[in-house]
PDB file of all heavy atoms in Angstrom:
ATOM      1  N   ASN A   1     138.366  83.135  65.231  1.00  0.00           N
ATOM      2  CA  ASN A   1     138.187  83.864  66.521  1.00  0.00           C
ATOM      3  C   ASN A   1     138.977  85.169  66.426  1.00  0.00           C
ATOM      4  O   ASN A   1     140.129  85.251  66.819  1.00  0.00           O
ATOM      5  CB  ASN A   1     138.676  83.005  67.658  1.00  0.00           C
ATOM      6  CG  ASN A   1     138.491  83.638  68.997  1.00  0.00           C
ATOM      7  OD1 ASN A   1     137.687  84.565  69.159  1.00  0.00           O
ATOM      8  ND2 ASN A   1     139.303  83.204  69.944  1.00  0.00           N
ATOM      9  N   LEU A   2     138.289  86.233  65.959  1.00  0.00           N
ATOM     10  CA  LEU A   2     139.007  87.458  65.659  1.00  0.00           C
ATOM     11  C   LEU A   2     138.631  88.596  66.606  1.00  0.00           C
ATOM     12  O   LEU A   2     137.513  88.653  67.102  1.00  0.00           O
ATOM     13  CB  LEU A   2     138.669  87.923  64.204  1.00  0.00           C
ATOM     14  CG  LEU A   2     139.093  86.979  63.072  1.00  0.00           C
ATOM     15  CD1 LEU A   2     138.502  87.432  61.800  1.00  0.00           C
ATOM     16  CD2 LEU A   2     140.599  86.915  63.024  1.00  0.00           C
ATOM     17  N   GLU A   3     139.600  89.420  66.870  1.00  0.00           N
ATOM     18  CA  GLU A   3     139.358  90.653  67.706  1.00  0.00           C
ATOM     19  C   GLU A   3     138.981  91.852  66.793  1.00  0.00           C
ATOM     20  O   GLU A   3     138.289  92.770  67.222  1.00  0.00           O
ATOM     21  CB  GLU A   3     140.583  90.995  68.475  1.00  0.00           C
ATOM     22  CG  GLU A   3     140.898  90.039  69.631  1.00  0.00           C
ATOM     23  CD  GLU A   3     139.892  90.166  70.780  1.00  0.00           C
ATOM     24  OE1 GLU A   3     139.303  91.243  70.949  1.00  0.00           O
ATOM     25  OE2 GLU A   3     139.675  89.180  71.474  1.00  0.00           O
ATOM     26  N   LEU A   4     139.495  91.877  65.559  1.00  0.00           N
ATOM     27  CA  LEU A   4     139.344  93.057  64.717  1.00  0.00           C
ATOM     28  C   LEU A   4     139.482  92.650  63.286  1.00  0.00           C
ATOM     29  O   LEU A   4     140.339  91.849  62.907  1.00  0.00           O
ATOM     30  CB  LEU A   4     140.379  94.030  65.054  1.00  0.00           C
ATOM     31  CG  LEU A   4     140.350  95.475  64.368  1.00  0.00           C
ATOM     32  CD1 LEU A   4     139.171  96.244  64.802  1.00  0.00           C
ATOM     33  CD2 LEU A   4     141.618  96.223  64.661  1.00  0.00           C
ATOM     34  N   ILE A   5     138.627  93.232  62.407  1.00  0.00           N
ATOM     35  CA  ILE A   5     138.778  93.048  60.950  1.00  0.00           C
ATOM     36  C   ILE A   5     138.971  94.431  60.343  1.00  0.00           C
ATOM     37  O   ILE A   5     138.247  95.377  60.649  1.00  0.00           O
ATOM     38  CB  ILE A   5     137.504  92.376  60.354  1.00  0.00           C
ATOM     39  CG1 ILE A   5     137.405  90.924  60.776  1.00  0.00           C
ATOM     40  CG2 ILE A   5     137.564  92.467  58.770  1.00  0.00           C
ATOM     41  CD1 ILE A   5     136.182  90.213  60.228  1.00  0.00           C
ATOM     42  N   ILE A   6     140.014  94.520  59.517  1.00  0.00           N
ATOM     43  CA  ILE A   6     140.227  95.711  58.707  1.00  0.00           C
ATOM     44  C   ILE A   6     139.682  95.477  57.261  1.00  0.00           C
ATOM     45  O   ILE A   6     140.153  94.576  56.600  1.00  0.00           O
ATOM     46  CB  ILE A   6     141.718  96.121  58.642  1.00  0.00           C
ATOM     47  CG1 ILE A   6     142.263  96.526  60.002  1.00  0.00           C
ATOM     48  CG2 ILE A   6     141.930  97.268  57.657  1.00  0.00           C
ATOM     49  CD1 ILE A   6     142.809  95.403  60.788  1.00  0.00           C
ATOM     50  N   GLU A   7     138.663  96.171  56.943  1.00  0.00           N
ATOM     51  CA  GLU A   7     138.061  96.003  55.577  1.00  0.00           C
ATOM     52  C   GLU A   7     138.980  96.575  54.509  1.00  0.00           C
ATOM     53  O   GLU A   7     139.851  97.444  54.785  1.00  0.00           O
ATOM     54  CB  GLU A   7     136.716  96.754  55.516  1.00  0.00           C
ATOM     55  CG  GLU A   7     135.689  96.276  56.508  1.00  0.00           C
ATOM     56  CD  GLU A   7     134.387  97.002  56.277  1.00  0.00           C
ATOM     57  OE1 GLU A   7     134.319  98.202  56.676  1.00  0.00           O
ATOM     58  OE2 GLU A   7     133.425  96.424  55.758  1.00  0.00           O
ATOM     59  N   GLY A   8     138.790  96.075  53.325  1.00  0.00           N
ATOM     60  CA  GLY A   8     139.605  96.621  52.221  1.00  0.00           C
ATOM     61  C   GLY A   8     139.314  98.000  51.888  1.00  0.00           C
ATOM     62  O   GLY A   8     140.176  98.783  51.340  1.00  0.00           O
ATOM     63  N   HIS A   9     138.067  98.450  52.175  1.00  0.00           N
ATOM     64  CA  HIS A   9     137.671  99.848  51.995  1.00  0.00           C
ATOM     65  C   HIS A   9     136.699 100.172  53.227  1.00  0.00           C
ATOM     66  O   HIS A   9     135.904  99.414  53.546  1.00  0.00           O
ATOM     67  CB  HIS A   9     136.878 100.040  50.683  1.00  0.00           C
ATOM     68  CG  HIS A   9     137.590  99.780  49.484  1.00  0.00           C
ATOM     69  ND1 HIS A   9     138.159 100.733  48.656  1.00  0.00           N
ATOM     70  CD2 HIS A   9     137.905  98.593  48.866  1.00  0.00           C
ATOM     71  CE1 HIS A   9     138.787 100.197  47.619  1.00  0.00           C
ATOM     72  NE2 HIS A   9     138.678  98.891  47.727  1.00  0.00           N
ATOM     73  N   GLY A  10     137.007 101.289  53.827  1.00  0.00           N
ATOM     74  CA  GLY A  10     136.083 101.746  54.834  1.00  0.00           C
ATOM     75  C   GLY A  10     136.534 101.505  56.259  1.00  0.00           C
ATOM     76  O   GLY A  10     137.764 101.580  56.594  1.00  0.00           O
ATOM     77  N   GLU A  11     135.625 101.204  57.146  1.00  0.00           N
ATOM     78  CA  GLU A  11     135.859 101.215  58.579  1.00  0.00           C
ATOM     79  C   GLU A  11     136.450  99.818  59.061  1.00  0.00           C
ATOM     80  O   GLU A  11     136.290  98.820  58.370  1.00  0.00           O
ATOM     81  CB  GLU A  11     134.544 101.515  59.279  1.00  0.00           C
ATOM     82  CG  GLU A  11     133.915 102.806  58.934  1.00  0.00           C
ATOM     83  CD  GLU A  11     134.769 104.017  59.338  1.00  0.00           C
ATOM     84  OE1 GLU A  11     135.452 103.915  60.326  1.00  0.00           O
ATOM     85  OE2 GLU A  11     134.580 105.015  58.664  1.00  0.00           O
ATOM     86  N   MET A  12     136.937  99.855  60.267  1.00  0.00           N
ATOM     87  CA  MET A  12     137.319  98.627  60.912  1.00  0.00           C
ATOM     88  C   MET A  12     136.108  98.022  61.601  1.00  0.00           C
ATOM     89  O   MET A  12     135.199  98.794  62.000  1.00  0.00           O
ATOM     90  CB  MET A  12     138.468  98.871  61.982  1.00  0.00           C
ATOM     91  CG  MET A  12     139.769  99.275  61.317  1.00  0.00           C
ATOM     92  SD  MET A  12     141.101  99.700  62.482  1.00  0.00           S
ATOM     93  CE  MET A  12     140.535 101.340  62.903  1.00  0.00           C
ATOM     94  N   ILE A  13     136.119  96.728  61.761  1.00  0.00           N
ATOM     95  CA  ILE A  13     135.021  95.972  62.383  1.00  0.00           C
ATOM     96  C   ILE A  13     135.487  95.411  63.743  1.00  0.00           C
ATOM     97  O   ILE A  13     136.393  94.584  63.750  1.00  0.00           O
ATOM     98  CB  ILE A  13     134.419  94.890  61.494  1.00  0.00           C
ATOM     99  CG1 ILE A  13     134.057  95.483  60.118  1.00  0.00           C
ATOM    100  CG2 ILE A  13     133.195  94.278  62.166  1.00  0.00           C
ATOM    101  CD1 ILE A  13     133.588  94.410  59.121  1.00  0.00           C
ATOM    102  N   LEU A  14     134.890  95.857  64.803  1.00  0.00           N
ATOM    103  CA  LEU A  14     135.315  95.389  66.154  1.00  0.00           C
ATOM    104  C   LEU A  14     134.685  94.010  66.498  1.00  0.00           C
ATOM    105  O   LEU A  14     133.688  93.608  65.806  1.00  0.00           O
ATOM    106  CB  LEU A  14     134.906  96.408  67.195  1.00  0.00           C
ATOM    107  CG  LEU A  14     135.424  97.852  66.976  1.00  0.00           C
ATOM    108  CD1 LEU A  14     134.942  98.805  68.018  1.00  0.00           C
ATOM    109  CD2 LEU A  14     136.939  97.838  67.011  1.00  0.00           C
ATOM    110  N   ARG A  15     135.332  93.377  67.451  1.00  0.00           N
ATOM    111  CA  ARG A  15     134.911  91.994  67.778  1.00  0.00           C
ATOM    112  C   ARG A  15     133.375  91.864  67.952  1.00  0.00           C
ATOM    113  O   ARG A  15     132.849  90.896  67.370  1.00  0.00           O
ATOM    114  CB  ARG A  15     135.662  91.555  69.089  1.00  0.00           C
ATOM    115  CG  ARG A  15     135.321  90.192  69.489  1.00  0.00           C
ATOM    116  CD  ARG A  15     136.078  89.780  70.745  1.00  0.00           C
ATOM    117  NE  ARG A  15     135.812  88.404  71.130  1.00  0.00           N
ATOM    118  CZ  ARG A  15     136.351  87.765  72.159  1.00  0.00           C
ATOM    119  NH1 ARG A  15     137.216  88.433  72.968  1.00  0.00           N
ATOM    120  NH2 ARG A  15     136.008  86.557  72.443  1.00  0.00           N
ATOM    121  N   GLY A  16     132.784  92.706  68.687  1.00  0.00           N
ATOM    122  CA  GLY A  16     131.325  92.531  68.918  1.00  0.00           C
ATOM    123  C   GLY A  16     130.475  92.709  67.695  1.00  0.00           C
ATOM    124  O   GLY A  16     129.311  92.336  67.749  1.00  0.00           O
ATOM    125  N   GLU A  17     131.058  93.268  66.610  1.00  0.00           N
ATOM    126  CA  GLU A  17     130.259  93.538  65.395  1.00  0.00           C
ATOM    127  C   GLU A  17     130.578  92.583  64.256  1.00  0.00           C
ATOM    128  O   GLU A  17     129.889  92.662  63.203  1.00  0.00           O
ATOM    129  CB  GLU A  17     130.617  94.986  64.935  1.00  0.00           C
ATOM    130  CG  GLU A  17     130.308  96.062  65.990  1.00  0.00           C
ATOM    131  CD  GLU A  17     130.999  97.412  65.654  1.00  0.00           C
ATOM    132  OE1 GLU A  17     131.899  97.405  64.793  1.00  0.00           O
ATOM    133  OE2 GLU A  17     130.585  98.373  66.219  1.00  0.00           O
ATOM    134  N   ILE A  18     131.550  91.751  64.477  1.00  0.00           N
ATOM    135  CA  ILE A  18     132.077  90.891  63.346  1.00  0.00           C
ATOM    136  C   ILE A  18     130.993  89.956  62.789  1.00  0.00           C
ATOM    137  O   ILE A  18     130.772  89.912  61.637  1.00  0.00           O
ATOM    138  CB  ILE A  18     133.346  90.161  63.772  1.00  0.00           C
ATOM    139  CG1 ILE A  18     134.510  91.157  63.866  1.00  0.00           C
ATOM    140  CG2 ILE A  18     133.703  89.029  62.788  1.00  0.00           C
ATOM    141  CD1 ILE A  18     135.762  90.558  64.378  1.00  0.00           C
ATOM    142  N   SER A  19     130.371  89.188  63.724  1.00  0.00           N
ATOM    143  CA  SER A  19     129.423  88.234  63.285  1.00  0.00           C
ATOM    144  C   SER A  19     128.275  88.788  62.480  1.00  0.00           C
ATOM    145  O   SER A  19     127.858  88.359  61.408  1.00  0.00           O
ATOM    146  CB  SER A  19     128.891  87.416  64.474  1.00  0.00           C
ATOM    147  OG  SER A  19     127.932  86.471  64.033  1.00  0.00           O
ATOM    148  N   GLU A  20     127.737  89.954  63.025  1.00  0.00           N
ATOM    149  CA  GLU A  20     126.620  90.580  62.323  1.00  0.00           C
ATOM    150  C   GLU A  20     127.035  91.212  60.995  1.00  0.00           C
ATOM    151  O   GLU A  20     126.321  91.092  60.014  1.00  0.00           O
ATOM    152  CB  GLU A  20     126.072  91.704  63.322  1.00  0.00           C
ATOM    153  CG  GLU A  20     124.900  92.433  62.688  1.00  0.00           C
ATOM    154  CD  GLU A  20     124.371  93.495  63.625  1.00  0.00           C
ATOM    155  OE1 GLU A  20     124.798  93.601  64.767  1.00  0.00           O
ATOM    156  OE2 GLU A  20     123.465  94.333  63.123  1.00  0.00           O
ATOM    157  N   ALA A  21     128.215  91.815  60.919  1.00  0.00           N
ATOM    158  CA  ALA A  21     128.698  92.411  59.713  1.00  0.00           C
ATOM    159  C   ALA A  21     128.895  91.344  58.631  1.00  0.00           C
ATOM    160  O   ALA A  21     128.467  91.571  57.482  1.00  0.00           O
ATOM    161  CB  ALA A  21     129.991  93.152  59.960  1.00  0.00           C
ATOM    162  N   LEU A  22     129.460  90.230  58.944  1.00  0.00           N
ATOM    163  CA  LEU A  22     129.730  89.192  57.976  1.00  0.00           C
ATOM    164  C   LEU A  22     128.375  88.503  57.573  1.00  0.00           C
ATOM    165  O   LEU A  22     128.161  88.199  56.396  1.00  0.00           O
ATOM    166  CB  LEU A  22     130.681  88.107  58.509  1.00  0.00           C
ATOM    167  CG  LEU A  22     132.084  88.645  58.821  1.00  0.00           C
ATOM    168  CD1 LEU A  22     132.927  87.515  59.378  1.00  0.00           C
ATOM    169  CD2 LEU A  22     132.734  89.192  57.585  1.00  0.00           C
ATOM    170  N   SER A  23     127.488  88.342  58.505  1.00  0.00           N
ATOM    171  CA  SER A  23     126.141  87.810  58.131  1.00  0.00           C
ATOM    172  C   SER A  23     125.400  88.717  57.276  1.00  0.00           C
ATOM    173  O   SER A  23     124.715  88.237  56.300  1.00  0.00           O
ATOM    174  CB  SER A  23     125.334  87.529  59.444  1.00  0.00           C
ATOM    175  OG  SER A  23     125.896  86.514  60.225  1.00  0.00           O
ATOM    176  N   SER A  24     125.558  90.014  57.481  1.00  0.00           N
ATOM    177  CA  SER A  24     124.907  91.018  56.577  1.00  0.00           C
ATOM    178  C   SER A  24     125.423  90.907  55.186  1.00  0.00           C
ATOM    179  O   SER A  24     124.629  90.961  54.207  1.00  0.00           O
ATOM    180  CB  SER A  24     125.169  92.418  57.166  1.00  0.00           C
ATOM    181  OG  SER A  24     124.661  93.406  56.287  1.00  0.00           O
ATOM    182  N   ASN A  25     126.747  90.729  55.044  1.00  0.00           N
ATOM    183  CA  ASN A  25     127.267  90.615  53.667  1.00  0.00           C
ATOM    184  C   ASN A  25     126.814  89.325  52.966  1.00  0.00           C
ATOM    185  O   ASN A  25     126.579  89.299  51.779  1.00  0.00           O
ATOM    186  CB  ASN A  25     128.832  90.622  53.712  1.00  0.00           C
ATOM    187  CG  ASN A  25     129.336  92.082  53.892  1.00  0.00           C
ATOM    188  OD1 ASN A  25     128.594  92.985  54.084  1.00  0.00           O
ATOM    189  ND2 ASN A  25     130.674  92.237  53.754  1.00  0.00           N
ATOM    190  N   ILE A  26     126.762  88.210  53.760  1.00  0.00           N
ATOM    191  CA  ILE A  26     126.234  86.997  53.156  1.00  0.00           C
ATOM    192  C   ILE A  26     124.797  87.166  52.704  1.00  0.00           C
ATOM    193  O   ILE A  26     124.445  86.729  51.592  1.00  0.00           O
ATOM    194  CB  ILE A  26     126.377  85.797  54.229  1.00  0.00           C
ATOM    195  CG1 ILE A  26     127.889  85.515  54.411  1.00  0.00           C
ATOM    196  CG2 ILE A  26     125.630  84.572  53.729  1.00  0.00           C
ATOM    197  CD1 ILE A  26     128.135  84.558  55.617  1.00  0.00           C
ATOM    198  N   LYS A  27     124.013  87.768  53.588  1.00  0.00           N
ATOM    199  CA  LYS A  27     122.576  87.956  53.203  1.00  0.00           C
ATOM    200  C   LYS A  27     122.438  88.841  52.012  1.00  0.00           C
ATOM    201  O   LYS A  27     121.598  88.603  51.117  1.00  0.00           O
ATOM    202  CB  LYS A  27     121.808  88.556  54.383  1.00  0.00           C
ATOM    203  CG  LYS A  27     121.638  87.616  55.539  1.00  0.00           C
ATOM    204  CD  LYS A  27     120.974  88.293  56.764  1.00  0.00           C
ATOM    205  CE  LYS A  27     120.792  87.336  57.946  1.00  0.00           C
ATOM    206  NZ  LYS A  27     120.240  88.013  59.120  1.00  0.00           N
ATOM    207  N   TYR A  28     123.277  89.848  51.936  1.00  0.00           N
ATOM    208  CA  TYR A  28     123.269  90.712  50.717  1.00  0.00           C
ATOM    209  C   TYR A  28     123.597  89.883  49.455  1.00  0.00           C
ATOM    210  O   TYR A  28     122.880  90.009  48.396  1.00  0.00           O
ATOM    211  CB  TYR A  28     124.222  91.830  50.828  1.00  0.00           C
ATOM    212  CG  TYR A  28     124.499  92.622  49.545  1.00  0.00           C
ATOM    213  CD1 TYR A  28     123.599  93.590  49.147  1.00  0.00           C
ATOM    214  CD2 TYR A  28     125.572  92.354  48.775  1.00  0.00           C
ATOM    215  CE1 TYR A  28     123.797  94.267  47.954  1.00  0.00           C
ATOM    216  CE2 TYR A  28     125.772  93.072  47.587  1.00  0.00           C
ATOM    217  CZ  TYR A  28     124.872  94.015  47.213  1.00  0.00           C
ATOM    218  OH  TYR A  28     125.051  94.716  46.041  1.00  0.00           O
ATOM    219  N   LEU A  29     124.655  89.100  49.501  1.00  0.00           N
ATOM    220  CA  LEU A  29     124.988  88.266  48.325  1.00  0.00           C
ATOM    221  C   LEU A  29     123.873  87.306  47.907  1.00  0.00           C
ATOM    222  O   LEU A  29     123.635  87.069  46.704  1.00  0.00           O
ATOM    223  CB  LEU A  29     126.270  87.522  48.585  1.00  0.00           C
ATOM    224  CG  LEU A  29     127.520  88.422  48.684  1.00  0.00           C
ATOM    225  CD1 LEU A  29     128.748  87.656  49.286  1.00  0.00           C
ATOM    226  CD2 LEU A  29     127.947  88.968  47.316  1.00  0.00           C
ATOM    227  N   GLU A  30     123.238  86.762  48.933  1.00  0.00           N
ATOM    228  CA  GLU A  30     122.068  85.887  48.602  1.00  0.00           C
ATOM    229  C   GLU A  30     120.972  86.616  48.042  1.00  0.00           C
ATOM    230  O   GLU A  30     120.309  86.178  47.073  1.00  0.00           O
ATOM    231  CB  GLU A  30     121.677  85.148  49.880  1.00  0.00           C
ATOM    232  CG  GLU A  30     122.715  84.128  50.418  1.00  0.00           C
ATOM    233  CD  GLU A  30     122.366  83.577  51.765  1.00  0.00           C
ATOM    234  OE1 GLU A  30     121.565  84.187  52.550  1.00  0.00           O
ATOM    235  OE2 GLU A  30     122.908  82.526  52.141  1.00  0.00           O
ATOM    236  N   ALA A  31     120.757  87.868  48.563  1.00  0.00           N
ATOM    237  CA  ALA A  31     119.612  88.655  48.081  1.00  0.00           C
ATOM    238  C   ALA A  31     119.779  89.082  46.595  1.00  0.00           C
ATOM    239  O   ALA A  31     118.842  89.050  45.831  1.00  0.00           O
ATOM    240  CB  ALA A  31     119.458  89.907  48.962  1.00  0.00           C
ATOM    241  N   ILE A  32     121.015  89.559  46.254  1.00  0.00           N
ATOM    242  CA  ILE A  32     121.138  90.051  44.881  1.00  0.00           C
ATOM    243  C   ILE A  32     121.017  88.896  43.884  1.00  0.00           C
ATOM    244  O   ILE A  32     120.482  89.091  42.780  1.00  0.00           O
ATOM    245  CB  ILE A  32     122.466  90.783  44.688  1.00  0.00           C
ATOM    246  CG1 ILE A  32     123.692  89.981  45.002  1.00  0.00           C
ATOM    247  CG2 ILE A  32     122.498  92.052  45.473  1.00  0.00           C
ATOM    248  CD1 ILE A  32     125.025  90.622  44.663  1.00  0.00           C
ATOM    249  N   GLN A  33     121.481  87.752  44.265  1.00  0.00           N
ATOM    250  CA  GLN A  33     121.272  86.561  43.330  1.00  0.00           C
ATOM    251  C   GLN A  33     119.799  86.256  43.183  1.00  0.00           C
ATOM    252  O   GLN A  33     119.331  86.024  42.034  1.00  0.00           O
ATOM    253  CB  GLN A  33     122.034  85.354  43.917  1.00  0.00           C
ATOM    254  CG  GLN A  33     123.544  85.531  43.880  1.00  0.00           C
ATOM    255  CD  GLN A  33     124.204  84.343  44.564  1.00  0.00           C
ATOM    256  OE1 GLN A  33     124.451  83.306  43.902  1.00  0.00           O
ATOM    257  NE2 GLN A  33     124.455  84.423  45.855  1.00  0.00           N
ATOM    258  N   ALA A  34     119.073  86.226  44.297  1.00  0.00           N
ATOM    259  CA  ALA A  34     117.647  85.943  44.210  1.00  0.00           C
ATOM    260  C   ALA A  34     116.880  87.018  43.458  1.00  0.00           C
ATOM    261  O   ALA A  34     116.043  86.686  42.627  1.00  0.00           O
ATOM    262  CB  ALA A  34     117.095  85.743  45.641  1.00  0.00           C
TER     263      ALA A  34
END
């Protein structure tokens, strides 16, 4: 249950964007493997 994520590179991710941003990264990892 997070309010803010600081990425290792780039922008910060605000609470309302966290779920979508993490889902996007998961989908990307699944896509490159496939």
